C-alpha atoms as a PDB file:
ATOM      1  CA  UNK A   1     -25.040  84.321 -35.330  1.00  0.00           C
ATOM      2  CA  UNK A   2     -27.791  86.598 -34.203  1.00  0.00           C
ATOM      3  CA  UNK A   3     -27.503  90.317 -33.704  1.00  0.00           C
ATOM      4  CA  UNK A   4     -26.455  91.433 -30.222  1.00  0.00           C
ATOM      5  CA  UNK A   5     -28.757  93.648 -28.511  1.00  0.00           C
ATOM      6  CA  UNK A   6     -26.976  96.105 -26.271  1.00  0.00           C
ATOM      7  CA  UNK A   7     -28.240  98.772 -23.838  1.00  0.00           C
ATOM      8  CA  UNK A   8     -25.908 101.617 -23.536  1.00  0.00           C
ATOM      9  CA  UNK A   9     -26.333 104.027 -20.746  1.00  0.00           C
ATOM     10  CA  UNK A  10     -25.651 107.615 -22.000  1.00  0.00           C
ATOM     11  CA  UNK A  11     -25.706 110.936 -20.207  1.00  0.00           C
ATOM     12  CA  UNK A  12     -24.106 113.273 -22.746  1.00  0.00           C
ATOM     13  CA  UNK A  13     -20.628 113.296 -20.858  1.00  0.00           C
ATOM     14  CA  UNK A  14     -17.396 112.759 -22.581  1.00  0.00           C
ATOM     15  CA  UNK A  15     -17.057 109.433 -20.709  1.00  0.00           C
ATOM     16  CA  UNK A  16     -20.378 108.274 -22.099  1.00  0.00           C
ATOM     17  CA  UNK A  17     -19.558 109.184 -25.621  1.00  0.00           C
ATOM     18  CA  UNK A  18     -16.162 107.433 -25.198  1.00  0.00           C
ATOM     19  CA  UNK A  19     -18.137 104.341 -24.227  1.00  0.00           C
ATOM     20  CA  UNK A  20     -20.211 104.568 -27.086  1.00  0.00           C
ATOM     21  CA  UNK A  21     -17.037 104.778 -29.456  1.00  0.00           C
ATOM     22  CA  UNK A  22     -15.133 101.884 -27.790  1.00  0.00           C
ATOM     23  CA  UNK A  23     -18.424  99.383 -27.652  1.00  0.00           C
ATOM     24  CA  UNK A  24     -18.519 100.266 -31.622  1.00  0.00           C
ATOM     25  CA  UNK A  25     -15.220  98.840 -32.272  1.00  0.00           C
ATOM     26  CA  UNK A  26     -16.069  95.575 -29.923  1.00  0.00           C
ATOM     27  CA  UNK A  27     -19.337  95.130 -31.219  1.00  0.00           C
ATOM     28  CA  UNK A  28     -19.729  96.314 -34.990  1.00  0.00           C
ATOM     29  CA  UNK A  29     -23.140  96.664 -36.312  1.00  0.00           C
ATOM     30  CA  UNK A  30     -24.866  95.615 -33.224  1.00  0.00           C
ATOM     31  CA  UNK A  31     -28.526  96.693 -32.389  1.00  0.00           C
ATOM     32  CA  UNK A  32     -28.418  99.371 -29.360  1.00  0.00           C
ATOM     33  CA  UNK A  33     -30.874 100.975 -27.121  1.00  0.00           C
ATOM     34  CA  UNK A  34     -29.394 104.263 -25.757  1.00  0.00           C
ATOM     35  CA  UNK A  35     -30.795 105.033 -22.552  1.00  0.00           C
ATOM     36  CA  UNK A  36     -30.917 108.151 -20.730  1.00  0.00           C
ATOM     37  CA  UNK A  37     -31.999 107.528 -17.142  1.00  0.00           C
ATOM     38  CA  UNK A  38     -33.593 110.577 -15.535  1.00  0.00           C
ATOM     39  CA  UNK A  39     -35.368 111.041 -12.209  1.00  0.00           C
ATOM     40  CA  UNK A  40     -38.773 113.269 -12.516  1.00  0.00           C
ATOM     41  CA  UNK A  41     -39.186 116.123 -10.201  1.00  0.00           C
ATOM     42  CA  UNK A  42     -42.230 114.658  -8.842  1.00  0.00           C
ATOM     43  CA  UNK A  43     -40.216 113.159  -5.637  1.00  0.00           C
ATOM     44  CA  UNK A  44     -38.869 116.504  -4.659  1.00  0.00           C
ATOM     45  CA  UNK A  45     -42.409 117.923  -5.463  1.00  0.00           C
ATOM     46  CA  UNK A  46     -44.237 115.378  -3.312  1.00  0.00           C
ATOM     47  CA  UNK A  47     -44.259 117.616  -0.234  1.00  0.00           C
ATOM     48  CA  UNK A  48     -45.632 120.568  -2.191  1.00  0.00           C
ATOM     49  CA  UNK A  49     -49.077 119.253  -2.908  1.00  0.00           C
ATOM     50  CA  UNK A  50     -51.386 121.976  -3.529  1.00  0.00           C
ATOM     51  CA  UNK A  51     -48.898 124.784  -3.371  1.00  0.00           C
ATOM     52  CA  UNK A  52     -48.762 127.112  -6.179  1.00  0.00           C
ATOM     53  CA  UNK A  53     -45.005 126.363  -6.838  1.00  0.00           C
ATOM     54  CA  UNK A  54     -45.950 122.778  -8.065  1.00  0.00           C
ATOM     55  CA  UNK A  55     -47.134 123.874 -11.267  1.00  0.00           C
ATOM     56  CA  UNK A  56     -43.787 125.604 -11.924  1.00  0.00           C
ATOM     57  CA  UNK A  57     -42.115 122.564 -11.062  1.00  0.00           C
ATOM     58  CA  UNK A  58     -44.537 120.751 -13.603  1.00  0.00           C
ATOM     59  CA  UNK A  59     -43.285 122.945 -16.362  1.00  0.00           C
ATOM     60  CA  UNK A  60     -39.610 122.501 -15.067  1.00  0.00           C
ATOM     61  CA  UNK A  61     -40.217 118.726 -15.333  1.00  0.00           C
ATOM     62  CA  UNK A  62     -41.592 118.947 -18.696  1.00  0.00           C
ATOM     63  CA  UNK A  63     -38.616 120.828 -19.863  1.00  0.00           C
ATOM     64  CA  UNK A  64     -36.395 118.346 -18.329  1.00  0.00           C
ATOM     65  CA  UNK A  65     -38.098 115.609 -19.967  1.00  0.00           C
ATOM     66  CA  UNK A  66     -37.392 117.533 -23.265  1.00  0.00           C
ATOM     67  CA  UNK A  67     -33.729 117.683 -22.511  1.00  0.00           C
ATOM     68  CA  UNK A  68     -33.649 114.274 -21.596  1.00  0.00           C
ATOM     69  CA  UNK A  69     -35.055 113.123 -24.821  1.00  0.00           C
ATOM     70  CA  UNK A  70     -32.488 115.393 -26.677  1.00  0.00           C
ATOM     71  CA  UNK A  71     -29.752 113.741 -25.036  1.00  0.00           C
ATOM     72  CA  UNK A  72     -30.966 110.097 -25.585  1.00  0.00           C
ATOM     73  CA  UNK A  73     -31.383 111.134 -29.187  1.00  0.00           C
ATOM     74  CA  UNK A  74     -27.764 112.430 -29.333  1.00  0.00           C
ATOM     75  CA  UNK A  75     -26.568 109.485 -28.143  1.00  0.00           C
ATOM     76  CA  UNK A  76     -28.507 107.307 -30.458  1.00  0.00           C
ATOM     77  CA  UNK A  77     -27.004 109.593 -33.308  1.00  0.00           C
ATOM     78  CA  UNK A  78     -23.657 109.043 -32.338  1.00  0.00           C
ATOM     79  CA  UNK A  79     -24.151 105.244 -32.068  1.00  0.00           C
ATOM     80  CA  UNK A  80     -25.614 105.116 -35.721  1.00  0.00           C
ATOM     81  CA  UNK A  81     -23.039 107.356 -36.729  1.00  0.00           C
ATOM     82  CA  UNK A  82     -20.483 104.687 -35.517  1.00  0.00           C
ATOM     83  CA  UNK A  83     -22.334 101.576 -37.357  1.00  0.00           C
ATOM     84  CA  UNK A  84     -24.922 100.650 -34.824  1.00  0.00           C
ATOM     85  CA  UNK A  85     -28.723 100.003 -35.122  1.00  0.00           C
ATOM     86  CA  UNK A  86     -29.472 102.413 -32.283  1.00  0.00           C
ATOM     87  CA  UNK A  87     -32.856 103.717 -30.905  1.00  0.00           C
ATOM     88  CA  UNK A  88     -32.732 106.304 -28.071  1.00  0.00           C
ATOM     89  CA  UNK A  89     -34.940 105.769 -25.172  1.00  0.00           C
ATOM     90  CA  UNK A  90     -35.676 107.853 -21.970  1.00  0.00           C
ATOM     91  CA  UNK A  91     -36.174 106.178 -18.567  1.00  0.00           C
ATOM     92  CA  UNK A  92     -38.253 108.521 -16.328  1.00  0.00           C
ATOM     93  CA  UNK A  93     -38.785 106.659 -12.876  1.00  0.00           C
ATOM     94  CA  UNK A  94     -38.231 107.432  -9.321  1.00  0.00           C
ATOM     95  CA  UNK A  95     -35.355 104.673  -9.251  1.00  0.00           C
ATOM     96  CA  UNK A  96     -31.573 105.291  -9.086  1.00  0.00           C
ATOM     97  CA  UNK A  97     -30.022 105.440 -12.533  1.00  0.00           C
ATOM     98  CA  UNK A  98     -28.354 102.043 -11.871  1.00  0.00           C
ATOM     99  CA  UNK A  99     -31.956 100.554 -11.242  1.00  0.00           C
ATOM    100  CA  UNK A 100     -33.492 102.329 -14.260  1.00  0.00           C
ATOM    101  CA  UNK A 101     -30.404 100.764 -16.428  1.00  0.00           C
ATOM    102  CA  UNK A 102     -30.833  97.356 -14.903  1.00  0.00           C
ATOM    103  CA  UNK A 103     -34.608  97.299 -15.326  1.00  0.00           C
ATOM    104  CA  UNK A 104     -34.412  98.597 -18.783  1.00  0.00           C
ATOM    105  CA  UNK A 105     -31.649  95.867 -19.674  1.00  0.00           C
ATOM    106  CA  UNK A 106     -34.282  93.406 -18.730  1.00  0.00           C
ATOM    107  CA  UNK A 107     -37.088  94.945 -20.765  1.00  0.00           C
ATOM    108  CA  UNK A 108     -34.974  95.079 -24.091  1.00  0.00           C
ATOM    109  CA  UNK A 109     -33.660  91.736 -23.257  1.00  0.00           C
ATOM    110  CA  UNK A 110     -30.008  93.421 -23.632  1.00  0.00           C
ATOM    111  CA  UNK A 111     -26.993  90.927 -24.157  1.00  0.00           C
ATOM    112  CA  UNK A 112     -24.772  93.219 -22.668  1.00  0.00           C
ATOM    113  CA  UNK A 113     -25.178  96.434 -20.513  1.00  0.00           C
ATOM    114  CA  UNK A 114     -22.523  99.217 -21.379  1.00  0.00           C
ATOM    115  CA  UNK A 115     -21.716 101.995 -19.095  1.00  0.00           C
ATOM    116  CA  UNK A 116     -18.882 104.438 -19.150  1.00  0.00           C
ATOM    117  CA  UNK A 117     -16.883 105.192 -15.991  1.00  0.00           C
ATOM    118  CA  UNK A 118     -16.584 108.890 -14.426  1.00  0.00           C
ATOM    119  CA  UNK A 119     -13.274 108.051 -12.470  1.00  0.00           C
ATOM    120  CA  UNK A 120     -14.784 108.998  -9.075  1.00  0.00           C
ATOM    121  CA  UNK A 121     -12.737 107.776  -6.330  1.00  0.00           C
ATOM    122  CA  UNK A 122     -12.600 108.060  -2.582  1.00  0.00           C
ATOM    123  CA  UNK A 123     -14.939 110.605  -0.836  1.00  0.00           C
ATOM    124  CA  UNK A 124     -16.601 111.694  -4.215  1.00  0.00           C
ATOM    125  CA  UNK A 125     -17.494 108.064  -5.164  1.00  0.00           C
ATOM    126  CA  UNK A 126     -18.910 107.508  -1.550  1.00  0.00           C
ATOM    127  CA  UNK A 127     -20.564 110.975  -1.681  1.00  0.00           C
ATOM    128  CA  UNK A 128     -22.142 110.716  -5.055  1.00  0.00           C
ATOM    129  CA  UNK A 129     -22.153 106.943  -5.644  1.00  0.00           C
ATOM    130  CA  UNK A 130     -21.120 105.025  -8.727  1.00  0.00           C
ATOM    131  CA  UNK A 131     -23.641 104.143 -11.306  1.00  0.00           C
ATOM    132  CA  UNK A 132     -21.323 101.678 -12.792  1.00  0.00           C
ATOM    133  CA  UNK A 133     -20.791 100.081  -9.822  1.00  0.00           C
ATOM    134  CA  UNK A 134     -24.079  99.571  -8.798  1.00  0.00           C
ATOM    135  CA  UNK A 135     -24.956  98.177 -12.101  1.00  0.00           C
ATOM    136  CA  UNK A 136     -21.885  95.738 -11.940  1.00  0.00           C
ATOM    137  CA  UNK A 137     -23.059  94.742  -8.411  1.00  0.00           C
ATOM    138  CA  UNK A 138     -26.854  94.172  -9.395  1.00  0.00           C
ATOM    139  CA  UNK A 139     -27.142  93.393 -13.029  1.00  0.00           C
ATOM    140  CA  UNK A 140     -28.408  90.128 -13.986  1.00  0.00           C
ATOM    141  CA  UNK A 141     -26.800  90.590 -17.388  1.00  0.00           C
ATOM    142  CA  UNK A 142     -23.174  90.881 -18.688  1.00  0.00           C
ATOM    143  CA  UNK A 143     -21.959  94.184 -18.132  1.00  0.00           C
ATOM    144  CA  UNK A 144     -19.175  96.202 -19.479  1.00  0.00           C
ATOM    145  CA  UNK A 145     -17.832  99.299 -18.026  1.00  0.00           C
ATOM    146  CA  UNK A 146     -15.627 101.385 -20.449  1.00  0.00           C
ATOM    147  CA  UNK A 147     -13.197 104.010 -18.769  1.00  0.00           C
ATOM    148  CA  UNK A 148     -12.716 106.958 -21.310  1.00  0.00           C
ATOM    149  CA  UNK A 149      -9.208 107.789 -22.166  1.00  0.00           C
ATOM    150  CA  UNK A 150      -8.755 110.613 -19.437  1.00  0.00           C
ATOM    151  CA  UNK A 151     -10.144 108.363 -16.782  1.00  0.00           C
ATOM    152  CA  UNK A 152      -7.752 105.537 -17.703  1.00  0.00           C
ATOM    153  CA  UNK A 153      -4.860 107.658 -17.965  1.00  0.00           C
ATOM    154  CA  UNK A 154      -5.721 109.038 -14.429  1.00  0.00           C
ATOM    155  CA  UNK A 155      -5.805 105.687 -13.288  1.00  0.00           C
ATOM    156  CA  UNK A 156      -2.668 104.646 -14.605  1.00  0.00           C
ATOM    157  CA  UNK A 157      -0.937 107.675 -13.125  1.00  0.00           C
ATOM    158  CA  UNK A 158      -2.318 107.176  -9.788  1.00  0.00           C
ATOM    159  CA  UNK A 159      -1.204 103.611  -9.744  1.00  0.00           C
ATOM    160  CA  UNK A 160       2.313 104.642 -11.072  1.00  0.00           C
ATOM    161  CA  UNK A 161       2.523 107.058  -7.982  1.00  0.00           C
ATOM    162  CA  UNK A 162       1.376 104.695  -5.463  1.00  0.00           C
ATOM    163  CA  UNK A 163       4.003 102.001  -7.011  1.00  0.00           C
ATOM    164  CA  UNK A 164       6.872 104.598  -6.857  1.00  0.00           C
ATOM    165  CA  UNK A 165       6.472 104.962  -2.867  1.00  0.00           C
END
């Protein structure tokens, strides 16, 4: 059986780490691209053309790229420690994180997209959006959303509270 190619969205959060750990138990020994999707500051800086502050933003953007590469490598190291053949990748695009995840899944021919879930609900989910929900709705590849233990526990508690009314 050919080896599975996974795309694991990783942002360094507890939820992302938990998703990597759960995926390792579900897909032992798979190949994985561990993706950190960042948005460069150039969109923010577009209106500053010719302004002296633009140079400072360029330096800041370069520093955030360095941090992004470290986060992706941290995720790949975690994945390798759990048995994946993993390599880090940073997406640096003006697209949303969900668009970057979907596009990268196509580029690497991923068999499965894996994303963690932060557990945002209500106003926070509306205001901040949900990367995992967006990936689920727009991906053309199988997608697995993995809640961390704290998120799953909070969801269970919320349902139990609703059911006791």
